[in-house]
Amino acid sequence: MRLSFEHAGAEPAHFDIDTLVIAGWTGRDLAAIEHHIEELEAIGVPRPSAIPLFYRVASQQLSQAGTIEVLGAHSSGEVEPLLMVKGGEWWVSIASDHTDRQLETHSVAWSKQICTKPVATQAWRLAEVLPHWDRLILRSWIEEDGQEKLYQDGTLAALRTPMELLDLLGQTLALPQDGLAMSCGTVVAIGGIRSATQFRMCLEDPVLGRRIEHGYGTCVLPMVA
């Protein structure tokens, strides 16, 4: 899957992604993770086999389109940092780990595989933000009752660092010099996880005064028995 990104006024950077990993349960507060696991178990979502957990998803599920198609009305997005490697250099953008919440109660891995993962069209070199990574801010908004509402808001200090996640991933997967993309987890949904037909997301860098933004809509396909 080829992705193209604008960056710092230069020519677009192109990434040919052939390996996609969704990192889950990446929070630094293990007590908070356990509490969330218990909440999800109460509604039927299976407990993860490890913390963090690295889900493999087909790379063709990545998309920079402004609309995605979903089956039924039970899916929702979550903004996550997206790491990508090109020529041995790591870059960061954002993606939405759009997930089928109904299917999630049967299999988290299947629920992630079935949905397209929207990706922004801007990226930064990881080296530019790594010194102040914890100060970067993740936000997302959804449309509810005809109004845009803040859905997620938190700093990356809540999540494990990119280098820690890559070190852990490297224990089970040989990290390539090209072609790998990994989302790095997310922050809590304000008011709980829920579906919406419009989703907007942002990664803000308050130190260098810039942001990556992307929005997308969902086209709901009918469930036919």
N, C-alpha and C. Protein backbone atom coordinates (compact mmCIF):
# COMPACT_ATOMS: atom_id res chain seq x y z
N MET A 1 0.84 -1.19 0.00
CA MET A 1 0.00 0.00 0.00
C MET A 1 0.88 1.24 0.00
N ARG A 2 0.73 2.10 -1.02
CA ARG A 2 1.53 3.33 -1.09
C ARG A 2 0.79 4.47 -0.39
N LEU A 3 1.48 5.13 0.54
CA LEU A 3 0.99 6.31 1.22
C LEU A 3 1.92 7.47 0.91
N SER A 4 1.35 8.66 0.72
CA SER A 4 2.13 9.86 0.41
C SER A 4 1.84 10.93 1.44
N PHE A 5 2.89 11.62 1.88
CA PHE A 5 2.77 12.59 2.96
C PHE A 5 3.46 13.90 2.61
N GLU A 6 2.83 15.01 2.96
CA GLU A 6 3.46 16.32 2.92
C GLU A 6 4.30 16.48 4.19
N HIS A 7 5.44 17.19 4.06
CA HIS A 7 6.25 17.43 5.24
C HIS A 7 7.15 18.62 5.03
N ALA A 8 7.06 19.57 5.94
CA ALA A 8 7.99 20.71 6.04
C ALA A 8 8.24 21.41 4.71
N GLY A 9 7.22 21.51 3.88
CA GLY A 9 7.36 22.24 2.63
C GLY A 9 8.20 21.58 1.57
N ALA A 10 8.64 20.33 1.81
CA ALA A 10 9.48 19.61 0.86
C ALA A 10 8.60 18.80 -0.09
N GLU A 11 9.25 18.08 -1.02
CA GLU A 11 8.51 17.20 -1.90
C GLU A 11 7.84 16.10 -1.07
N PRO A 12 6.68 15.61 -1.52
CA PRO A 12 5.99 14.57 -0.76
C PRO A 12 6.88 13.35 -0.52
N ALA A 13 6.73 12.75 0.65
CA ALA A 13 7.44 11.52 0.99
C ALA A 13 6.51 10.34 0.73
N HIS A 14 7.00 9.33 0.01
CA HIS A 14 6.18 8.17 -0.36
C HIS A 14 6.64 6.95 0.43
N PHE A 15 5.68 6.21 0.95
CA PHE A 15 5.96 5.01 1.74
C PHE A 15 5.19 3.84 1.13
N ASP A 16 5.89 2.78 0.82
CA ASP A 16 5.26 1.56 0.34
C ASP A 16 5.16 0.59 1.51
N ILE A 17 3.99 0.53 2.12
CA ILE A 17 3.77 -0.24 3.34
C ILE A 17 3.33 -1.66 3.00
N ASP A 18 4.09 -2.64 3.49
CA ASP A 18 3.69 -4.04 3.28
C ASP A 18 3.49 -4.79 4.59
N THR A 19 3.75 -4.14 5.72
CA THR A 19 3.53 -4.75 7.03
C THR A 19 2.87 -3.72 7.95
N LEU A 20 1.67 -4.05 8.42
CA LEU A 20 0.93 -3.15 9.31
C LEU A 20 0.71 -3.83 10.65
N VAL A 21 1.07 -3.12 11.71
CA VAL A 21 0.90 -3.61 13.08
C VAL A 21 0.06 -2.60 13.86
N ILE A 22 -0.93 -3.10 14.59
CA ILE A 22 -1.72 -2.27 15.48
C ILE A 22 -1.31 -2.63 16.91
N ALA A 23 -0.65 -1.71 17.60
CA ALA A 23 -0.24 -1.96 18.98
C ALA A 23 -1.39 -1.63 19.92
N GLY A 24 -1.76 -2.59 20.74
CA GLY A 24 -2.84 -2.38 21.69
C GLY A 24 -2.37 -2.47 23.13
N TRP A 25 -3.15 -1.88 24.01
CA TRP A 25 -2.85 -1.91 25.45
C TRP A 25 -1.47 -1.32 25.72
N THR A 26 -1.24 -0.12 25.19
CA THR A 26 0.08 0.50 25.25
C THR A 26 0.22 1.56 26.33
N GLY A 27 -0.76 1.69 27.20
CA GLY A 27 -0.69 2.71 28.25
C GLY A 27 0.44 2.43 29.24
N ARG A 28 0.94 3.47 29.86
CA ARG A 28 2.00 3.33 30.87
C ARG A 28 1.45 2.95 32.25
N ASP A 29 0.18 3.30 32.51
CA ASP A 29 -0.45 3.03 33.81
C ASP A 29 -1.08 1.64 33.76
N LEU A 30 -0.39 0.65 34.30
CA LEU A 30 -0.86 -0.74 34.22
C LEU A 30 -2.15 -0.95 35.01
N ALA A 31 -2.33 -0.22 36.11
CA ALA A 31 -3.57 -0.35 36.89
C ALA A 31 -4.76 0.15 36.08
N ALA A 32 -4.56 1.23 35.34
CA ALA A 32 -5.64 1.76 34.51
C ALA A 32 -5.96 0.80 33.37
N ILE A 33 -4.92 0.16 32.81
CA ILE A 33 -5.15 -0.83 31.75
C ILE A 33 -5.97 -1.99 32.28
N GLU A 34 -5.63 -2.49 33.46
CA GLU A 34 -6.37 -3.61 34.05
C GLU A 34 -7.83 -3.23 34.30
N HIS A 35 -8.05 -2.02 34.76
CA HIS A 35 -9.43 -1.56 34.99
C HIS A 35 -10.21 -1.55 33.68
N HIS A 36 -9.57 -1.08 32.61
CA HIS A 36 -10.24 -1.02 31.31
C HIS A 36 -10.50 -2.43 30.77
N ILE A 37 -9.56 -3.33 30.99
CA ILE A 37 -9.76 -4.73 30.56
C ILE A 37 -10.99 -5.31 31.25
N GLU A 38 -11.12 -5.06 32.55
CA GLU A 38 -12.26 -5.58 33.30
C GLU A 38 -13.57 -4.96 32.81
N GLU A 39 -13.55 -3.66 32.45
CA GLU A 39 -14.74 -3.03 31.89
C GLU A 39 -15.16 -3.70 30.59
N LEU A 40 -14.18 -3.98 29.73
CA LEU A 40 -14.49 -4.60 28.44
C LEU A 40 -14.92 -6.05 28.62
N GLU A 41 -14.31 -6.76 29.58
CA GLU A 41 -14.73 -8.13 29.84
C GLU A 41 -16.20 -8.18 30.24
N ALA A 42 -16.65 -7.15 30.94
CA ALA A 42 -18.04 -7.12 31.40
C ALA A 42 -19.03 -7.02 30.25
N ILE A 43 -18.57 -6.51 29.08
CA ILE A 43 -19.45 -6.42 27.92
C ILE A 43 -19.08 -7.45 26.86
N GLY A 44 -18.24 -8.41 27.26
CA GLY A 44 -17.97 -9.54 26.39
C GLY A 44 -16.71 -9.50 25.58
N VAL A 45 -15.85 -8.47 25.74
CA VAL A 45 -14.61 -8.37 24.97
C VAL A 45 -13.55 -9.24 25.63
N PRO A 46 -12.92 -10.17 24.90
CA PRO A 46 -11.94 -11.08 25.52
C PRO A 46 -10.73 -10.33 26.09
N ARG A 47 -10.18 -10.87 27.17
CA ARG A 47 -8.98 -10.32 27.79
C ARG A 47 -7.79 -10.52 26.85
N PRO A 48 -6.90 -9.53 26.70
CA PRO A 48 -5.73 -9.70 25.83
C PRO A 48 -4.78 -10.76 26.37
N SER A 49 -4.09 -11.44 25.47
CA SER A 49 -3.16 -12.50 25.87
C SER A 49 -1.84 -11.94 26.37
N ALA A 50 -1.55 -10.67 26.08
CA ALA A 50 -0.31 -10.03 26.53
C ALA A 50 -0.54 -8.53 26.56
N ILE A 51 0.32 -7.82 27.33
CA ILE A 51 0.28 -6.36 27.41
C ILE A 51 1.70 -5.83 27.26
N PRO A 52 1.97 -4.99 26.24
CA PRO A 52 1.07 -4.67 25.12
C PRO A 52 0.94 -5.86 24.18
N LEU A 53 0.02 -5.72 23.22
CA LEU A 53 -0.24 -6.77 22.25
C LEU A 53 -0.14 -6.18 20.85
N PHE A 54 0.49 -6.90 19.94
CA PHE A 54 0.72 -6.40 18.59
C PHE A 54 -0.13 -7.21 17.60
N TYR A 55 -1.18 -6.57 17.09
CA TYR A 55 -2.08 -7.20 16.13
C TYR A 55 -1.56 -6.98 14.71
N ARG A 56 -1.51 -8.02 13.92
CA ARG A 56 -1.16 -7.88 12.50
C ARG A 56 -2.44 -7.67 11.70
N VAL A 57 -2.42 -6.66 10.84
CA VAL A 57 -3.57 -6.30 10.00
C VAL A 57 -3.08 -6.15 8.57
N ALA A 58 -3.89 -6.51 7.61
CA ALA A 58 -3.51 -6.41 6.20
C ALA A 58 -3.18 -4.96 5.84
N SER A 59 -2.05 -4.76 5.19
CA SER A 59 -1.59 -3.39 4.88
C SER A 59 -2.53 -2.67 3.93
N GLN A 60 -3.30 -3.42 3.10
CA GLN A 60 -4.21 -2.75 2.18
C GLN A 60 -5.39 -2.10 2.90
N GLN A 61 -5.49 -2.31 4.22
CA GLN A 61 -6.55 -1.65 4.97
C GLN A 61 -6.23 -0.17 5.24
N LEU A 62 -5.01 0.26 4.99
CA LEU A 62 -4.66 1.67 5.15
C LEU A 62 -5.25 2.49 4.00
N SER A 63 -5.77 3.67 4.33
CA SER A 63 -6.36 4.52 3.30
C SER A 63 -6.23 5.99 3.70
N GLN A 64 -5.94 6.83 2.71
CA GLN A 64 -5.91 8.28 2.94
C GLN A 64 -7.13 8.97 2.34
N ALA A 65 -8.15 8.19 2.01
CA ALA A 65 -9.39 8.74 1.46
C ALA A 65 -10.20 9.47 2.53
N GLY A 66 -11.11 10.29 2.09
CA GLY A 66 -11.94 11.05 3.02
C GLY A 66 -13.20 10.33 3.45
N THR A 67 -13.46 9.15 2.87
CA THR A 67 -14.63 8.35 3.24
C THR A 67 -14.24 6.88 3.24
N ILE A 68 -14.73 6.14 4.22
CA ILE A 68 -14.55 4.70 4.25
C ILE A 68 -15.92 4.04 4.32
N GLU A 69 -15.99 2.79 3.86
CA GLU A 69 -17.22 2.02 3.94
C GLU A 69 -17.12 1.02 5.08
N VAL A 70 -18.19 0.92 5.87
CA VAL A 70 -18.23 0.00 7.01
C VAL A 70 -19.51 -0.82 6.92
N LEU A 71 -19.46 -2.01 7.50
CA LEU A 71 -20.61 -2.89 7.49
C LEU A 71 -21.39 -2.73 8.79
N GLY A 72 -22.61 -2.21 8.68
CA GLY A 72 -23.42 -1.99 9.88
C GLY A 72 -23.03 -0.73 10.62
N ALA A 73 -23.73 -0.48 11.72
CA ALA A 73 -23.59 0.79 12.44
C ALA A 73 -22.87 0.63 13.77
N HIS A 74 -21.97 -0.35 13.88
CA HIS A 74 -21.35 -0.63 15.18
C HIS A 74 -19.84 -0.43 15.18
N SER A 75 -19.34 0.41 14.30
CA SER A 75 -17.90 0.67 14.26
C SER A 75 -17.60 2.08 14.74
N SER A 76 -16.35 2.29 15.16
CA SER A 76 -15.95 3.62 15.60
C SER A 76 -14.45 3.79 15.45
N GLY A 77 -14.00 5.03 15.41
CA GLY A 77 -12.59 5.35 15.24
C GLY A 77 -11.90 5.72 16.53
N GLU A 78 -10.56 5.66 16.51
CA GLU A 78 -9.71 6.11 17.61
C GLU A 78 -8.43 6.66 17.00
N VAL A 79 -8.04 7.85 17.37
CA VAL A 79 -6.83 8.44 16.83
C VAL A 79 -5.61 7.82 17.50
N GLU A 80 -4.58 7.51 16.70
CA GLU A 80 -3.35 6.92 17.22
C GLU A 80 -2.15 7.48 16.45
N PRO A 81 -1.00 7.65 17.12
CA PRO A 81 0.22 7.94 16.38
C PRO A 81 0.54 6.77 15.46
N LEU A 82 1.04 7.06 14.26
CA LEU A 82 1.40 6.02 13.31
C LEU A 82 2.88 6.16 12.98
N LEU A 83 3.68 5.17 13.34
CA LEU A 83 5.10 5.14 13.01
C LEU A 83 5.29 4.43 11.67
N MET A 84 6.21 4.94 10.85
CA MET A 84 6.52 4.33 9.56
C MET A 84 8.02 4.43 9.32
N VAL A 85 8.57 3.43 8.64
CA VAL A 85 10.00 3.44 8.37
C VAL A 85 10.25 3.47 6.87
N LYS A 86 11.22 4.30 6.47
CA LYS A 86 11.61 4.44 5.07
C LYS A 86 13.10 4.66 5.02
N GLY A 87 13.83 3.76 4.35
CA GLY A 87 15.28 3.88 4.28
C GLY A 87 15.94 3.89 5.63
N GLY A 88 15.35 3.16 6.59
CA GLY A 88 15.91 3.08 7.93
C GLY A 88 15.56 4.26 8.83
N GLU A 89 14.85 5.25 8.29
CA GLU A 89 14.46 6.43 9.08
C GLU A 89 12.99 6.33 9.47
N TRP A 90 12.70 6.63 10.74
CA TRP A 90 11.34 6.55 11.23
C TRP A 90 10.63 7.89 11.13
N TRP A 91 9.36 7.82 10.75
CA TRP A 91 8.49 8.98 10.62
C TRP A 91 7.25 8.77 11.47
N VAL A 92 6.51 9.85 11.73
CA VAL A 92 5.27 9.74 12.50
C VAL A 92 4.16 10.54 11.82
N SER A 93 2.99 9.95 11.77
CA SER A 93 1.77 10.62 11.35
C SER A 93 0.67 10.17 12.30
N ILE A 94 -0.59 10.22 11.87
CA ILE A 94 -1.69 9.70 12.69
C ILE A 94 -2.60 8.85 11.83
N ALA A 95 -3.24 7.90 12.48
CA ALA A 95 -4.23 7.04 11.83
C ALA A 95 -5.38 6.83 12.80
N SER A 96 -6.49 6.39 12.26
CA SER A 96 -7.63 6.00 13.09
C SER A 96 -7.74 4.49 13.07
N ASP A 97 -7.64 3.88 14.24
CA ASP A 97 -7.83 2.43 14.35
C ASP A 97 -9.34 2.16 14.36
N HIS A 98 -9.96 2.34 13.21
CA HIS A 98 -11.40 2.12 13.10
C HIS A 98 -11.69 0.64 13.31
N THR A 99 -12.64 0.34 14.21
CA THR A 99 -12.86 -1.03 14.68
C THR A 99 -14.34 -1.34 14.74
N ASP A 100 -14.70 -2.56 14.38
CA ASP A 100 -16.08 -3.04 14.51
C ASP A 100 -16.31 -3.47 15.96
N ARG A 101 -17.09 -2.70 16.70
CA ARG A 101 -17.24 -2.95 18.13
C ARG A 101 -18.11 -4.16 18.42
N GLN A 102 -19.02 -4.49 17.53
CA GLN A 102 -19.83 -5.68 17.72
C GLN A 102 -18.99 -6.94 17.54
N LEU A 103 -18.18 -6.96 16.50
CA LEU A 103 -17.30 -8.10 16.25
C LEU A 103 -16.22 -8.21 17.31
N GLU A 104 -15.87 -7.09 17.93
CA GLU A 104 -14.83 -7.07 18.95
C GLU A 104 -15.16 -7.98 20.13
N THR A 105 -16.45 -8.17 20.42
CA THR A 105 -16.83 -9.04 21.53
C THR A 105 -16.53 -10.50 21.23
N HIS A 106 -16.34 -10.85 19.95
CA HIS A 106 -15.99 -12.21 19.56
C HIS A 106 -14.48 -12.37 19.36
N SER A 107 -13.85 -11.36 18.71
CA SER A 107 -12.41 -11.41 18.47
C SER A 107 -11.90 -10.01 18.19
N VAL A 108 -10.99 -9.54 19.03
CA VAL A 108 -10.41 -8.21 18.81
C VAL A 108 -9.64 -8.19 17.49
N ALA A 109 -8.89 -9.26 17.22
CA ALA A 109 -8.09 -9.30 15.98
C ALA A 109 -8.99 -9.22 14.75
N TRP A 110 -10.08 -9.97 14.72
CA TRP A 110 -10.99 -9.92 13.57
C TRP A 110 -11.63 -8.55 13.44
N SER A 111 -11.98 -7.95 14.57
CA SER A 111 -12.67 -6.65 14.53
C SER A 111 -11.77 -5.57 13.95
N LYS A 112 -10.46 -5.68 14.15
CA LYS A 112 -9.53 -4.70 13.61
C LYS A 112 -9.28 -4.95 12.12
N GLN A 113 -9.20 -6.23 11.74
CA GLN A 113 -8.93 -6.58 10.36
C GLN A 113 -10.05 -6.14 9.42
N ILE A 114 -11.30 -6.14 9.88
CA ILE A 114 -12.43 -5.92 8.99
C ILE A 114 -12.59 -4.45 8.57
N CYS A 115 -11.99 -3.53 9.31
CA CYS A 115 -12.21 -2.10 9.06
C CYS A 115 -10.99 -1.42 8.42
N THR A 116 -11.27 -0.51 7.49
CA THR A 116 -10.24 0.35 6.91
C THR A 116 -9.65 1.26 8.00
N LYS A 117 -8.36 1.55 7.87
CA LYS A 117 -7.66 2.41 8.84
C LYS A 117 -7.31 3.75 8.16
N PRO A 118 -8.10 4.80 8.36
CA PRO A 118 -7.80 6.09 7.74
C PRO A 118 -6.49 6.68 8.25
N VAL A 119 -5.72 7.28 7.35
CA VAL A 119 -4.40 7.84 7.64
C VAL A 119 -4.35 9.29 7.15
N ALA A 120 -3.70 10.16 7.90
CA ALA A 120 -3.53 11.55 7.50
C ALA A 120 -2.61 11.67 6.29
N THR A 121 -2.49 12.86 5.74
CA THR A 121 -1.65 13.10 4.57
C THR A 121 -0.44 13.97 4.89
N GLN A 122 -0.15 14.14 6.18
CA GLN A 122 1.03 14.88 6.62
C GLN A 122 1.84 13.98 7.55
N ALA A 123 3.14 14.20 7.61
CA ALA A 123 4.01 13.40 8.48
C ALA A 123 5.19 14.25 8.94
N TRP A 124 5.79 13.83 10.06
CA TRP A 124 7.01 14.45 10.58
C TRP A 124 8.08 13.38 10.73
N ARG A 125 9.32 13.79 10.62
CA ARG A 125 10.40 12.89 10.99
C ARG A 125 10.36 12.65 12.50
N LEU A 126 10.46 11.40 12.91
CA LEU A 126 10.37 11.07 14.32
C LEU A 126 11.46 11.77 15.12
N ALA A 127 12.65 11.91 14.54
CA ALA A 127 13.76 12.54 15.25
C ALA A 127 13.45 13.98 15.65
N GLU A 128 12.55 14.64 14.90
CA GLU A 128 12.20 16.03 15.19
C GLU A 128 11.35 16.16 16.44
N VAL A 129 10.60 15.12 16.79
CA VAL A 129 9.66 15.22 17.91
C VAL A 129 10.01 14.29 19.08
N LEU A 130 10.93 13.37 18.87
CA LEU A 130 11.24 12.40 19.91
C LEU A 130 11.71 13.06 21.21
N PRO A 131 12.52 14.16 21.16
CA PRO A 131 12.96 14.78 22.42
C PRO A 131 11.81 15.32 23.28
N HIS A 132 10.69 15.68 22.66
CA HIS A 132 9.54 16.18 23.43
C HIS A 132 8.28 15.37 23.16
N TRP A 133 8.46 14.07 22.90
CA TRP A 133 7.35 13.18 22.54
C TRP A 133 6.20 13.24 23.53
N ASP A 134 6.49 13.25 24.82
CA ASP A 134 5.44 13.22 25.83
C ASP A 134 4.55 14.46 25.81
N ARG A 135 5.02 15.54 25.18
CA ARG A 135 4.24 16.77 25.15
C ARG A 135 3.31 16.86 23.94
N LEU A 136 3.45 15.92 23.01
CA LEU A 136 2.55 15.91 21.86
C LEU A 136 1.14 15.58 22.33
N ILE A 137 0.14 16.17 21.65
CA ILE A 137 -1.26 16.04 22.09
C ILE A 137 -2.08 15.34 21.01
N LEU A 138 -2.79 14.29 21.43
CA LEU A 138 -3.75 13.61 20.56
C LEU A 138 -5.15 14.12 20.85
N ARG A 139 -5.89 14.46 19.79
CA ARG A 139 -7.28 14.86 19.95
C ARG A 139 -8.11 14.28 18.82
N SER A 140 -9.38 14.03 19.11
CA SER A 140 -10.31 13.68 18.05
C SER A 140 -11.68 14.26 18.38
N TRP A 141 -12.49 14.38 17.33
CA TRP A 141 -13.85 14.91 17.46
C TRP A 141 -14.79 14.01 16.65
N ILE A 142 -16.04 13.88 17.12
CA ILE A 142 -17.06 13.17 16.37
C ILE A 142 -18.27 14.08 16.20
N GLU A 143 -19.09 13.74 15.23
CA GLU A 143 -20.33 14.49 15.03
C GLU A 143 -21.46 13.75 15.72
N GLU A 144 -22.14 14.46 16.62
CA GLU A 144 -23.29 13.92 17.33
C GLU A 144 -24.39 14.95 17.36
N ASP A 145 -25.61 14.53 17.03
CA ASP A 145 -26.77 15.42 17.06
C ASP A 145 -26.51 16.69 16.25
N GLY A 146 -25.80 16.52 15.12
CA GLY A 146 -25.55 17.64 14.24
C GLY A 146 -24.45 18.58 14.69
N GLN A 147 -23.74 18.24 15.78
CA GLN A 147 -22.68 19.10 16.31
C GLN A 147 -21.38 18.31 16.45
N GLU A 148 -20.26 18.99 16.26
CA GLU A 148 -18.96 18.36 16.48
C GLU A 148 -18.62 18.42 17.96
N LYS A 149 -18.27 17.25 18.54
CA LYS A 149 -17.96 17.18 19.96
C LYS A 149 -16.58 16.58 20.17
N LEU A 150 -15.86 17.11 21.16
CA LEU A 150 -14.55 16.57 21.51
C LEU A 150 -14.72 15.14 22.00
N TYR A 151 -13.94 14.22 21.44
CA TYR A 151 -14.09 12.79 21.72
C TYR A 151 -12.88 12.21 22.46
N GLN A 152 -11.69 12.70 22.12
CA GLN A 152 -10.46 12.26 22.79
C GLN A 152 -9.54 13.46 22.98
N ASP A 153 -8.81 13.47 24.08
CA ASP A 153 -7.92 14.60 24.37
C ASP A 153 -6.90 14.17 25.42
N GLY A 154 -5.64 14.02 25.00
CA GLY A 154 -4.61 13.61 25.96
C GLY A 154 -3.23 13.71 25.35
N THR A 155 -2.21 13.74 26.18
CA THR A 155 -0.84 13.80 25.69
C THR A 155 -0.28 12.39 25.52
N LEU A 156 0.80 12.28 24.75
CA LEU A 156 1.42 10.99 24.52
C LEU A 156 2.19 10.48 25.73
N ALA A 157 2.22 11.28 26.80
CA ALA A 157 2.81 10.82 28.06
C ALA A 157 2.02 9.65 28.63
N ALA A 158 0.77 9.47 28.19
CA ALA A 158 -0.07 8.37 28.67
C ALA A 158 0.30 7.04 28.02
N LEU A 159 1.09 7.08 26.93
CA LEU A 159 1.40 5.88 26.16
C LEU A 159 2.88 5.54 26.26
N ARG A 160 3.21 4.28 26.02
CA ARG A 160 4.61 3.89 25.96
C ARG A 160 5.30 4.62 24.81
N THR A 161 6.59 4.84 24.94
CA THR A 161 7.33 5.60 23.94
C THR A 161 7.50 4.77 22.66
N PRO A 162 7.73 5.44 21.53
CA PRO A 162 7.94 4.71 20.28
C PRO A 162 9.08 3.70 20.35
N MET A 163 10.20 4.09 20.97
CA MET A 163 11.35 3.21 21.01
C MET A 163 11.08 1.97 21.88
N GLU A 164 10.32 2.16 22.95
CA GLU A 164 9.96 1.01 23.78
C GLU A 164 9.07 0.05 23.01
N LEU A 165 8.07 0.58 22.30
CA LEU A 165 7.19 -0.29 21.52
C LEU A 165 7.95 -1.00 20.41
N LEU A 166 8.84 -0.29 19.74
CA LEU A 166 9.62 -0.92 18.67
C LEU A 166 10.55 -2.00 19.23
N ASP A 167 11.12 -1.76 20.41
CA ASP A 167 11.97 -2.79 21.04
C ASP A 167 11.15 -4.04 21.35
N LEU A 168 9.93 -3.86 21.86
CA LEU A 168 9.08 -5.00 22.19
C LEU A 168 8.63 -5.72 20.93
N LEU A 169 8.27 -4.96 19.91
CA LEU A 169 7.86 -5.57 18.64
C LEU A 169 9.02 -6.36 18.04
N GLY A 170 10.22 -5.82 18.17
CA GLY A 170 11.40 -6.48 17.61
C GLY A 170 11.72 -7.82 18.22
N GLN A 171 11.09 -8.13 19.36
CA GLN A 171 11.31 -9.44 19.99
C GLN A 171 10.55 -10.54 19.26
N THR A 172 9.55 -10.17 18.47
CA THR A 172 8.75 -11.17 17.74
C THR A 172 8.77 -10.96 16.24
N LEU A 173 9.27 -9.82 15.77
CA LEU A 173 9.26 -9.49 14.35
C LEU A 173 10.54 -8.76 13.99
N ALA A 174 11.25 -9.25 12.99
CA ALA A 174 12.47 -8.56 12.55
C ALA A 174 12.08 -7.21 11.95
N LEU A 175 12.56 -6.13 12.54
CA LEU A 175 12.18 -4.80 12.08
C LEU A 175 12.90 -4.47 10.77
N PRO A 176 12.15 -4.18 9.71
CA PRO A 176 12.77 -3.90 8.41
C PRO A 176 13.24 -2.46 8.30
N GLN A 177 13.99 -2.18 7.26
CA GLN A 177 14.43 -0.82 6.96
C GLN A 177 13.38 -0.04 6.17
N ASP A 178 12.44 -0.75 5.59
CA ASP A 178 11.37 -0.13 4.79
C ASP A 178 10.10 -0.94 4.95
N GLY A 179 8.95 -0.26 4.80
CA GLY A 179 7.70 -0.96 4.60
C GLY A 179 6.87 -1.28 5.82
N LEU A 180 7.36 -0.97 7.03
CA LEU A 180 6.59 -1.25 8.24
C LEU A 180 5.87 0.00 8.72
N ALA A 181 4.60 -0.17 9.12
CA ALA A 181 3.84 0.88 9.79
C ALA A 181 3.24 0.28 11.06
N MET A 182 3.28 1.06 12.15
CA MET A 182 2.71 0.60 13.41
C MET A 182 1.97 1.73 14.09
N SER A 183 0.71 1.51 14.42
CA SER A 183 0.00 2.46 15.27
C SER A 183 0.33 2.16 16.72
N CYS A 184 0.28 3.19 17.57
CA CYS A 184 0.92 3.10 18.89
C CYS A 184 -0.04 3.18 20.07
N GLY A 185 -1.32 2.98 19.84
CA GLY A 185 -2.27 3.07 20.93
C GLY A 185 -2.92 4.43 21.01
N THR A 186 -3.85 4.57 21.93
CA THR A 186 -4.67 5.78 21.95
C THR A 186 -4.97 6.23 23.37
N VAL A 187 -5.70 7.33 23.49
CA VAL A 187 -6.12 7.87 24.79
C VAL A 187 -7.61 7.64 24.95
N VAL A 188 -8.09 7.81 26.17
CA VAL A 188 -9.46 7.44 26.51
C VAL A 188 -10.48 8.26 25.71
N ALA A 189 -11.61 7.61 25.41
CA ALA A 189 -12.72 8.29 24.74
C ALA A 189 -13.58 8.99 25.79
N ILE A 190 -13.80 10.27 25.61
CA ILE A 190 -14.59 11.07 26.55
C ILE A 190 -16.06 10.67 26.41
N GLY A 191 -16.65 10.18 27.49
CA GLY A 191 -18.04 9.74 27.44
C GLY A 191 -18.22 8.32 26.93
N GLY A 192 -17.11 7.61 26.69
CA GLY A 192 -17.17 6.22 26.25
C GLY A 192 -17.12 6.05 24.75
N ILE A 193 -16.71 4.86 24.31
CA ILE A 193 -16.58 4.54 22.89
C ILE A 193 -17.96 4.47 22.26
N ARG A 194 -18.13 5.13 21.11
CA ARG A 194 -19.41 5.10 20.42
C ARG A 194 -19.20 5.43 18.95
N SER A 195 -20.18 5.06 18.15
CA SER A 195 -20.10 5.24 16.71
C SER A 195 -20.47 6.66 16.31
N ALA A 196 -19.94 7.07 15.16
CA ALA A 196 -20.29 8.37 14.58
C ALA A 196 -19.98 8.31 13.09
N THR A 197 -20.73 9.06 12.30
CA THR A 197 -20.51 9.04 10.85
C THR A 197 -19.43 10.01 10.40
N GLN A 198 -19.00 10.94 11.28
CA GLN A 198 -17.92 11.86 10.96
C GLN A 198 -16.89 11.83 12.08
N PHE A 199 -15.61 11.74 11.70
CA PHE A 199 -14.52 11.65 12.68
C PHE A 199 -13.40 12.56 12.22
N ARG A 200 -12.90 13.39 13.13
CA ARG A 200 -11.77 14.28 12.83
C ARG A 200 -10.71 14.06 13.90
N MET A 201 -9.43 14.05 13.47
CA MET A 201 -8.35 13.75 14.41
C MET A 201 -7.18 14.69 14.20
N CYS A 202 -6.35 14.79 15.25
CA CYS A 202 -5.26 15.77 15.22
C CYS A 202 -4.13 15.30 16.14
N LEU A 203 -2.90 15.52 15.69
CA LEU A 203 -1.71 15.40 16.53
C LEU A 203 -1.07 16.78 16.58
N GLU A 204 -1.00 17.36 17.76
CA GLU A 204 -0.48 18.72 17.92
C GLU A 204 0.89 18.70 18.58
N ASP A 205 1.80 19.49 18.03
CA ASP A 205 3.13 19.66 18.58
C ASP A 205 3.22 21.08 19.14
N PRO A 206 3.03 21.25 20.48
CA PRO A 206 3.05 22.59 21.05
C PRO A 206 4.45 23.19 21.13
N VAL A 207 5.48 22.36 21.00
CA VAL A 207 6.85 22.86 21.07
C VAL A 207 7.25 23.52 19.76
N LEU A 208 6.99 22.85 18.64
CA LEU A 208 7.34 23.39 17.32
C LEU A 208 6.17 24.11 16.65
N GLY A 209 5.03 24.19 17.33
CA GLY A 209 3.89 24.96 16.84
C GLY A 209 3.31 24.47 15.54
N ARG A 210 2.97 23.19 15.46
CA ARG A 210 2.41 22.64 14.23
C ARG A 210 1.46 21.51 14.59
N ARG A 211 0.71 21.03 13.59
CA ARG A 211 -0.21 19.94 13.84
C ARG A 211 -0.45 19.14 12.57
N ILE A 212 -0.81 17.89 12.76
CA ILE A 212 -1.25 17.01 11.68
C ILE A 212 -2.74 16.79 11.89
N GLU A 213 -3.54 17.01 10.85
CA GLU A 213 -4.99 16.86 10.97
C GLU A 213 -5.53 16.01 9.83
N HIS A 214 -6.60 15.30 10.11
CA HIS A 214 -7.28 14.52 9.08
C HIS A 214 -8.70 14.23 9.54
N GLY A 215 -9.61 14.21 8.58
CA GLY A 215 -11.00 13.87 8.89
C GLY A 215 -11.54 12.90 7.86
N TYR A 216 -12.52 12.12 8.26
CA TYR A 216 -13.14 11.19 7.33
C TYR A 216 -14.58 10.91 7.75
N GLY A 217 -15.37 10.46 6.80
CA GLY A 217 -16.73 10.05 7.06
C GLY A 217 -16.88 8.57 6.80
N THR A 218 -17.94 7.99 7.32
CA THR A 218 -18.22 6.58 7.10
C THR A 218 -19.50 6.43 6.30
N CYS A 219 -19.46 5.54 5.33
CA CYS A 219 -20.63 5.15 4.56
C CYS A 219 -21.04 3.77 5.07
N VAL A 220 -22.22 3.70 5.68
CA VAL A 220 -22.65 2.48 6.34
C VAL A 220 -23.35 1.57 5.33
N LEU A 221 -22.79 0.38 5.13
CA LEU A 221 -23.39 -0.61 4.23
C LEU A 221 -24.41 -1.45 5.02
N PRO A 222 -25.47 -1.90 4.35
CA PRO A 222 -26.50 -2.66 5.07
C PRO A 222 -26.04 -4.06 5.46
N MET A 223 -26.54 -4.54 6.59
CA MET A 223 -26.30 -5.91 7.03
C MET A 223 -27.34 -6.80 6.36
N VAL A 224 -26.89 -7.71 5.51
CA VAL A 224 -27.81 -8.59 4.79
C VAL A 224 -27.61 -10.02 5.28
N ALA A 225 -28.67 -10.64 5.73
CA ALA A 225 -28.59 -12.00 6.26
C ALA A 225 -28.74 -13.01 5.13
